[in-house]
Amino acid sequence: MVEYALLVALVALVAIVGVAAVGTNVNAQFTKISCKIASPSASCDQ
């Protein structure tokens, strides 16, 4: 039973790290889009 609990904890940890990485990437894309909408001629590379 302890092994299953450790496996579930590991899967949850991997899922949290994956969602955090994807969220950071999506946030960067929305920031770039927001910059382009606010000032189309600006260089929005970060």
C-alpha atoms as a PDB file:
ATOM      1  CA  MET A   1       0.000   0.000   0.000  1.00  0.00           C
ATOM      2  CA  VAL A   2       2.871   2.374   0.775  1.00  0.00           C
ATOM      3  CA  GLU A   3       4.288   1.770  -2.699  1.00  0.00           C
ATOM      4  CA  TYR A   4       1.038   2.870  -4.306  1.00  0.00           C
ATOM      5  CA  ALA A   5       0.975   6.025  -2.193  1.00  0.00           C
ATOM      6  CA  LEU A   6       4.522   6.851  -3.291  1.00  0.00           C
ATOM      7  CA  LEU A   7       3.609   6.208  -6.919  1.00  0.00           C
ATOM      8  CA  VAL A   8       0.567   8.485  -6.682  1.00  0.00           C
ATOM      9  CA  ALA A   9       2.692  11.194  -5.053  1.00  0.00           C
ATOM     10  CA  LEU A  10       5.291  10.924  -7.819  1.00  0.00           C
ATOM     11  CA  VAL A  11       2.660  11.131 -10.564  1.00  0.00           C
ATOM     12  CA  ALA A  12       1.098  14.159  -8.867  1.00  0.00           C
ATOM     13  CA  LEU A  13       4.489  15.857  -8.600  1.00  0.00           C
ATOM     14  CA  VAL A  14       5.237  15.291 -12.288  1.00  0.00           C
ATOM     15  CA  ALA A  15       1.799  16.622 -13.221  1.00  0.00           C
ATOM     16  CA  ILE A  16       2.283  19.763 -11.124  1.00  0.00           C
ATOM     17  CA  VAL A  17       5.704  20.454 -12.624  1.00  0.00           C
ATOM     18  CA  GLY A  18       4.333  19.922 -16.137  1.00  0.00           C
ATOM     19  CA  VAL A  19       1.383  22.238 -15.613  1.00  0.00           C
ATOM     20  CA  ALA A  20       3.661  24.895 -14.119  1.00  0.00           C
ATOM     21  CA  ALA A  21       6.004  24.727 -17.121  1.00  0.00           C
ATOM     22  CA  VAL A  22       3.139  24.954 -19.610  1.00  0.00           C
ATOM     23  CA  GLY A  23       1.571  27.805 -17.631  1.00  0.00           C
ATOM     24  CA  THR A  24       4.786  29.804 -17.717  1.00  0.00           C
ATOM     25  CA  ASN A  25       5.070  29.325 -21.468  1.00  0.00           C
ATOM     26  CA  VAL A  26       1.438  30.311 -22.075  1.00  0.00           C
ATOM     27  CA  ASN A  27       1.877  33.382 -19.872  1.00  0.00           C
ATOM     28  CA  ALA A  28       4.876  34.476 -21.942  1.00  0.00           C
ATOM     29  CA  GLN A  29       2.876  34.119 -25.157  1.00  0.00           C
ATOM     30  CA  PHE A  30      -0.029  36.175 -23.790  1.00  0.00           C
ATOM     31  CA  THR A  31       2.415  38.851 -22.625  1.00  0.00           C
ATOM     32  CA  LYS A  32       3.893  39.039 -26.122  1.00  0.00           C
ATOM     33  CA  ILE A  33       0.411  39.279 -27.683  1.00  0.00           C
ATOM     34  CA  SER A  34      -0.558  42.009 -25.216  1.00  0.00           C
ATOM     35  CA  CYS A  35       2.579  43.965 -26.091  1.00  0.00           C
ATOM     36  CA  LYS A  36       1.835  43.725 -29.823  1.00  0.00           C
ATOM     37  CA  ILE A  37      -1.750  44.877 -29.323  1.00  0.00           C
ATOM     38  CA  ALA A  38      -0.653  47.845 -27.214  1.00  0.00           C
ATOM     39  CA  SER A  39       2.134  48.895 -29.596  1.00  0.00           C
ATOM     40  CA  PRO A  40       2.213  47.087 -32.968  1.00  0.00           C
ATOM     41  CA  SER A  41       5.526  48.612 -34.055  1.00  0.00           C
ATOM     42  CA  ALA A  42       7.366  47.783 -30.826  1.00  0.00           C
ATOM     43  CA  SER A  43       9.813  44.929 -30.478  1.00  0.00           C
ATOM     44  CA  CYS A  44       8.139  42.615 -27.978  1.00  0.00           C
ATOM     45  CA  ASP A  45      10.881  40.012 -27.710  1.00  0.00           C
ATOM     46  CA  GLN A  46      11.803  39.364 -24.100  1.00  0.00           C
END
